[in-house]
Amino acid sequence: MFITVEDQKIPEVNKIIQRLSDMTSSEISFDEKTKTYNVIPKGNPYDAMKATNVIKAIGLGFNVTDALKLLSDEYELETIDLKETMGKDQDDMRRVKARVIGEKGKTKKFIEEYTGVIMSIHENHISFIGPFDQVAVARKAVELIILGREHQSVYKYLDRAEKELMQYKMEKLKRSSNKFYEI
């Protein structure tokens, strides 16, 4: 699997290559000429995919600590490419990124706190690291902002989604504890 990152991110990735390679039983090499990382699985190919995602995450603006969370089966990386979503108009992208960040970072922080997801807004990407169900909620909130919804309606969506998710988890816990007592 081949991955490229921006030139300024290369030193950051190079610092963790050996550690990442050991943690995922993968062989990770860097080609100076093409500035490309190659991840080759030595064991489980799924672990090599995790290593690839860590490198991608660093390239998308996440710090190393947050990117390494992707080694856990509980975390995933998801990205919205604003060029694909909105076209190449830089002014539109700047406006949308500013709306997602919010005044003094309020909107981004609100989404992160409500969902427990870590967000990165870097270049033409808005990326998320977190548990699958929470990433879906955070992504939907950002998509609503991209569509031009008012921040207040997005906050209401997050509030509703959090309540529904908590209710779902409580019902699931209740069902599993009932099965325990049935045995």
Protein backbone atom coordinates (compact mmCIF):
# COMPACT_ATOMS: atom_id res chain seq x y z
CA MET A 1 0.00 0.00 0.00
CA PHE A 2 1.46 3.32 -1.07
CA ILE A 3 0.82 6.58 0.80
CA THR A 4 2.03 10.11 0.30
CA VAL A 5 1.92 13.01 2.75
CA GLU A 6 2.80 16.67 2.42
CA ASP A 7 6.52 17.46 2.56
CA GLN A 8 6.22 19.17 5.95
CA LYS A 9 4.63 16.02 7.46
CA ILE A 10 7.39 13.65 6.30
CA PRO A 11 9.72 14.22 9.30
CA GLU A 12 6.81 13.61 11.69
CA VAL A 13 5.93 10.31 9.99
CA ASN A 14 9.59 9.27 9.71
CA LYS A 15 9.97 9.60 13.51
CA ILE A 16 7.40 6.87 14.13
CA ILE A 17 8.01 4.50 11.20
CA GLN A 18 9.98 1.95 13.20
CA ARG A 19 7.56 2.01 16.15
CA LEU A 20 4.56 1.80 13.81
CA SER A 21 6.19 -1.03 11.90
CA ASP A 22 6.77 -2.99 15.12
CA MET A 23 3.25 -2.35 16.42
CA THR A 24 1.57 -3.55 13.22
CA SER A 25 3.94 -6.31 12.08
CA SER A 26 4.41 -4.41 8.82
CA GLU A 27 7.39 -3.37 6.80
CA ILE A 28 7.23 0.37 6.19
CA SER A 29 9.68 2.01 3.84
CA PHE A 30 10.04 5.54 2.54
CA ASP A 31 11.19 6.31 -0.99
CA GLU A 32 13.08 9.63 -0.89
CA LYS A 33 12.79 10.08 -4.64
CA THR A 34 9.01 9.75 -4.93
CA LYS A 35 8.33 10.82 -1.32
CA THR A 36 6.08 7.80 -0.92
CA TYR A 37 5.58 5.39 1.97
CA ASN A 38 5.08 1.72 1.19
CA VAL A 39 3.40 -0.46 3.82
CA ILE A 40 3.85 -4.19 3.32
CA PRO A 41 2.08 -6.61 5.67
CA LYS A 42 4.30 -9.22 7.31
CA GLY A 43 1.43 -10.71 9.27
CA ASN A 44 -2.20 -9.68 9.35
CA PRO A 45 -3.04 -7.40 6.37
CA TYR A 46 -5.61 -5.63 8.58
CA ASP A 47 -2.77 -4.40 10.82
CA ALA A 48 -0.95 -3.05 7.76
CA MET A 49 -4.14 -1.16 6.87
CA LYS A 50 -4.09 0.35 10.35
CA ALA A 51 -0.50 1.51 9.79
CA THR A 52 -1.58 3.06 6.50
CA ASN A 53 -4.41 4.91 8.26
CA VAL A 54 -2.02 6.27 10.91
CA ILE A 55 0.24 7.69 8.19
CA LYS A 56 -2.77 9.13 6.33
CA ALA A 57 -4.06 10.73 9.54
CA ILE A 58 -0.75 12.48 10.18
CA GLY A 59 -0.85 13.72 6.58
CA LEU A 60 -4.37 15.04 7.24
CA GLY A 61 -3.15 17.19 10.13
CA PHE A 62 -3.66 14.97 13.17
CA ASN A 63 -0.90 14.80 15.75
CA VAL A 64 0.93 11.50 16.24
CA THR A 65 -0.83 10.67 19.53
CA ASP A 66 -4.27 11.05 17.98
CA ALA A 67 -3.26 9.22 14.80
CA LEU A 68 -1.97 6.23 16.80
CA LYS A 69 -5.48 5.75 18.23
CA LEU A 70 -6.29 4.24 14.83
CA LEU A 71 -4.33 1.14 15.87
CA SER A 72 -7.28 0.28 18.10
CA ASP A 73 -10.16 -1.64 16.53
CA GLU A 74 -12.53 0.84 18.16
CA TYR A 75 -11.36 3.86 16.15
CA GLU A 76 -11.73 4.77 12.51
CA LEU A 77 -10.57 7.54 10.19
CA GLU A 78 -13.06 9.26 7.93
CA THR A 79 -12.53 12.25 5.66
CA ILE A 80 -14.66 14.72 3.76
CA ASP A 81 -12.84 16.06 0.71
CA LEU A 82 -14.17 19.56 0.21
CA LYS A 83 -12.99 19.63 -3.42
CA GLU A 84 -15.21 16.65 -4.19
CA THR A 85 -18.10 18.06 -2.18
CA MET A 86 -17.98 21.70 -3.24
CA GLY A 87 -15.74 22.02 -6.27
CA LYS A 88 -12.44 23.87 -6.45
CA ASP A 89 -13.56 27.38 -5.48
CA GLN A 90 -11.08 28.35 -2.73
CA ASP A 91 -13.36 31.09 -1.37
CA ASP A 92 -16.22 28.62 -0.87
CA MET A 93 -13.88 26.18 0.86
CA ARG A 94 -12.51 28.90 3.15
CA ARG A 95 -16.05 29.97 4.04
CA VAL A 96 -17.17 26.42 4.84
CA LYS A 97 -14.05 25.67 6.88
CA ALA A 98 -14.62 28.89 8.84
CA ARG A 99 -18.24 27.84 9.52
CA VAL A 100 -17.13 24.39 10.67
CA ILE A 101 -14.52 25.90 12.97
CA GLY A 102 -16.89 28.60 14.21
CA GLU A 103 -16.10 31.76 16.10
CA LYS A 104 -13.00 31.14 18.24
CA GLY A 105 -13.27 27.41 17.43
CA LYS A 106 -16.63 27.06 19.17
CA THR A 107 -18.41 24.91 16.56
CA LYS A 108 -15.53 22.47 16.06
CA LYS A 109 -15.07 22.15 19.80
CA PHE A 110 -18.81 21.60 20.31
CA ILE A 111 -18.89 18.80 17.73
CA GLU A 112 -15.79 17.18 19.24
CA GLU A 113 -17.12 17.37 22.80
CA TYR A 114 -20.58 16.07 21.91
CA THR A 115 -19.30 13.16 19.87
CA GLY A 116 -15.94 12.37 21.46
CA VAL A 117 -14.45 12.56 17.97
CA ILE A 118 -11.18 14.31 17.15
CA MET A 119 -11.43 16.56 14.09
CA SER A 120 -8.79 17.99 11.79
CA ILE A 121 -9.47 20.73 9.28
CA HIS A 122 -6.47 20.71 7.00
CA GLU A 123 -6.09 21.98 3.45
CA ASN A 124 -9.22 20.80 1.58
CA HIS A 125 -10.10 18.02 4.04
CA ILE A 126 -12.20 17.75 7.17
CA SER A 127 -11.25 14.53 8.92
CA PHE A 128 -12.47 12.60 11.94
CA ILE A 129 -10.93 10.02 14.27
CA GLY A 130 -13.20 8.25 16.72
CA PRO A 131 -15.54 5.34 17.32
CA PHE A 132 -17.61 4.37 14.28
CA ASP A 133 -21.00 5.49 15.59
CA GLN A 134 -19.64 8.78 16.87
CA VAL A 135 -17.76 9.54 13.64
CA ALA A 136 -21.03 9.11 11.75
CA VAL A 137 -22.73 11.70 13.99
CA ALA A 138 -19.84 14.18 13.70
CA ARG A 139 -19.70 13.75 9.93
CA LYS A 140 -23.44 14.35 9.61
CA ALA A 141 -23.12 17.54 11.72
CA VAL A 142 -20.34 18.83 9.46
CA GLU A 143 -22.31 17.90 6.34
CA LEU A 144 -25.25 19.93 7.66
CA ILE A 145 -22.94 22.92 8.09
CA ILE A 146 -21.57 22.42 4.56
CA LEU A 147 -25.17 22.43 3.29
CA GLY A 148 -25.64 25.83 4.93
CA ARG A 149 -27.73 24.86 7.95
CA GLU A 150 -27.68 27.28 10.85
CA HIS A 151 -25.37 26.37 13.69
CA GLN A 152 -28.25 26.22 16.16
CA SER A 153 -30.00 23.50 14.12
CA VAL A 154 -26.74 21.54 13.97
CA TYR A 155 -26.38 21.80 17.77
CA LYS A 156 -29.96 20.52 18.13
CA TYR A 157 -29.12 17.61 15.80
CA LEU A 158 -26.10 16.75 17.98
CA ASP A 159 -28.20 16.88 21.11
CA ARG A 160 -30.83 14.58 19.58
CA ALA A 161 -28.20 12.20 18.21
CA GLU A 162 -26.47 11.96 21.59
CA LYS A 163 -29.75 11.14 23.34
CA GLU A 164 -30.62 8.49 20.72
CA LEU A 165 -27.16 6.94 20.96
CA MET A 166 -27.32 6.82 24.78
CA GLN A 167 -30.80 5.27 24.62
CA TYR A 168 -29.57 2.66 22.12
CA LYS A 169 -26.57 1.80 24.32
CA MET A 170 -28.76 1.51 27.42
CA GLU A 171 -31.20 -0.81 25.62
CA LYS A 172 -28.33 -2.92 24.34
CA LEU A 173 -26.84 -3.12 27.83
CA LYS A 174 -30.24 -4.04 29.26
CA ARG A 175 -30.72 -6.80 26.66
CA SER A 176 -27.27 -8.24 27.33
CA SER A 177 -27.76 -8.19 31.11
CA ASN A 178 -31.16 -9.91 30.71
CA LYS A 179 -29.50 -12.69 28.71
CA PHE A 180 -27.04 -13.14 31.54
CA TYR A 181 -29.82 -13.70 34.04
CA GLU A 182 -31.69 -16.06 31.72
CA ILE A 183 -28.83 -18.56 31.72
